[in-house]
Amino acid sequence: MTDATNFLDALPTHLRERVSVVSGQSASIGGAHVLYWSHHALRVDENPALEIAAQLAAKLDLPLLVFVAVSGSHPHLTDRHVWFFLEGVQDFAADLAELGVPLAASLEASARPDVAMDRLASR
């Protein structure tokens, strides 16, 4: 299966209803892995986006790679927020490790997370 639209149509209803195709074009799928950027939901359970990424990885017989980032560019970033986020990332990484899913993190204070994710996505 190389077409994203065909894959989305094959998802269970409870996942399909959460997906919106934002491009008018059909995307070709290929690469070294399926990349999931976990922005807010740092959890394995009850995470439909992660479930979709995992199902896509399984369908394509590719490894799933999860990416998280914290950046100093956020206007309301505090030490407390960063500490809380990193504790969540640590728990999330442990849960992912139990499933055999690696986690990549960008924790550079001055970096833009989209640049780090683009490097991973290009593979």
Protein backbone atom coordinates (compact mmCIF):
# COMPACT_ATOMS: atom_id res chain seq x y z
CA MET A 1 0.00 0.00 0.00
CA THR A 2 1.69 3.21 -1.12
CA ASP A 3 -1.15 5.69 -1.14
CA ALA A 4 -2.02 7.59 2.05
CA THR A 5 -5.67 7.98 1.09
CA ASN A 6 -6.12 4.22 0.72
CA PHE A 7 -4.56 3.73 4.14
CA LEU A 8 -6.82 6.31 5.77
CA ASP A 9 -9.90 4.74 4.24
CA ALA A 10 -8.89 1.40 5.77
CA LEU A 11 -8.68 2.79 9.32
CA PRO A 12 -11.27 1.76 11.89
CA THR A 13 -14.13 4.28 12.14
CA HIS A 14 -13.09 5.57 15.57
CA LEU A 15 -9.71 6.59 14.10
CA ARG A 16 -10.84 7.61 10.59
CA GLU A 17 -13.27 10.19 11.97
CA ARG A 18 -10.33 11.96 13.66
CA VAL A 19 -8.29 12.38 10.46
CA SER A 20 -8.52 15.33 8.09
CA VAL A 21 -6.64 15.39 4.83
CA VAL A 22 -5.33 18.93 4.48
CA SER A 23 -3.74 18.59 1.05
CA GLY A 24 -5.73 18.27 -2.14
CA GLN A 25 -3.13 15.80 -3.36
CA SER A 26 -2.66 12.14 -2.62
CA ALA A 27 0.58 11.59 -0.72
CA SER A 28 3.02 8.87 -1.60
CA ILE A 29 4.40 7.00 1.36
CA GLY A 30 7.95 5.76 1.57
CA GLY A 31 11.08 6.16 3.63
CA ALA A 32 13.06 4.68 6.48
CA HIS A 33 10.38 5.01 9.16
CA VAL A 34 7.01 6.47 10.09
CA LEU A 35 7.58 9.65 12.09
CA TYR A 36 5.08 10.76 14.73
CA TRP A 37 5.56 14.20 16.28
CA SER A 38 4.07 14.09 19.77
CA HIS A 39 3.32 17.69 20.59
CA HIS A 40 0.92 17.55 23.52
CA ALA A 41 -0.30 14.00 24.15
CA LEU A 42 2.73 12.45 25.85
CA ARG A 43 0.99 9.16 26.46
CA VAL A 44 0.72 5.75 24.87
CA ASP A 45 -2.80 4.96 26.03
CA GLU A 46 -5.81 6.69 24.48
CA ASN A 47 -3.71 8.53 21.91
CA PRO A 48 -5.47 8.18 18.55
CA ALA A 49 -2.75 9.99 16.59
CA LEU A 50 -0.09 7.65 17.92
CA GLU A 51 -2.37 4.69 17.20
CA ILE A 52 -2.77 5.83 13.59
CA ALA A 53 1.00 6.24 13.21
CA ALA A 54 1.57 2.76 14.67
CA GLN A 55 -0.99 1.21 12.34
CA LEU A 56 0.57 2.97 9.36
CA ALA A 57 4.03 1.74 10.38
CA ALA A 58 2.72 -1.81 10.69
CA LYS A 59 0.97 -1.63 7.29
CA LEU A 60 4.14 -0.34 5.64
CA ASP A 61 6.40 -2.72 7.56
CA LEU A 62 8.47 0.25 8.75
CA PRO A 63 9.64 1.16 12.24
CA LEU A 64 7.77 3.85 14.13
CA LEU A 65 9.83 6.76 15.46
CA VAL A 66 8.31 9.20 17.94
CA PHE A 67 9.63 12.77 18.14
CA VAL A 68 9.19 15.32 20.94
CA ALA A 69 10.66 18.80 21.29
CA VAL A 70 10.91 21.62 23.75
CA SER A 71 12.16 24.93 22.45
CA GLY A 72 13.13 28.19 24.04
CA SER A 73 11.10 30.00 21.40
CA HIS A 74 7.79 29.42 23.22
CA PRO A 75 6.65 32.81 24.58
CA HIS A 76 5.44 31.46 27.95
CA LEU A 77 8.21 28.95 28.65
CA THR A 78 9.32 28.70 32.28
CA ASP A 79 11.72 26.42 34.12
CA ARG A 80 8.72 24.80 35.81
CA HIS A 81 7.07 24.11 32.45
CA VAL A 82 10.25 22.58 31.05
CA TRP A 83 10.74 20.40 34.14
CA PHE A 84 7.13 19.16 33.99
CA PHE A 85 7.46 18.47 30.25
CA LEU A 86 10.73 16.54 30.71
CA GLU A 87 9.19 14.41 33.46
CA GLY A 88 6.36 13.60 31.06
CA VAL A 89 8.82 12.79 28.28
CA GLN A 90 10.70 10.44 30.60
CA ASP A 91 7.52 8.51 31.42
CA PHE A 92 6.45 8.54 27.75
CA ALA A 93 9.85 7.22 26.65
CA ALA A 94 9.63 4.38 29.18
CA ASP A 95 6.16 3.41 27.95
CA LEU A 96 7.31 3.55 24.32
CA ALA A 97 10.40 1.45 25.14
CA GLU A 98 8.13 -1.28 26.51
CA LEU A 99 6.54 -1.35 23.05
CA GLY A 100 9.91 -1.28 21.27
CA VAL A 101 9.34 2.22 19.87
CA PRO A 102 12.28 4.66 19.98
CA LEU A 103 11.88 8.29 20.99
CA ALA A 104 13.91 11.16 19.50
CA ALA A 105 13.96 14.44 21.40
CA SER A 106 15.06 17.97 20.61
CA LEU A 107 15.84 19.86 23.79
CA GLU A 108 17.91 22.75 22.49
CA ALA A 109 16.87 26.04 24.06
CA SER A 110 17.41 28.07 20.90
CA ALA A 111 16.43 25.45 18.32
CA ARG A 112 13.23 25.40 16.36
CA PRO A 113 11.64 21.95 16.79
CA ASP A 114 10.36 21.91 13.21
CA VAL A 115 13.96 22.01 11.95
CA ALA A 116 14.91 18.97 14.03
CA MET A 117 11.77 17.14 12.94
CA ASP A 118 12.47 17.99 9.28
CA ARG A 119 15.87 16.29 9.60
CA LEU A 120 14.16 13.13 10.87
CA ALA A 121 11.37 13.35 8.30
CA SER A 122 13.80 13.66 5.41
CA ARG A 123 14.87 10.07 6.05
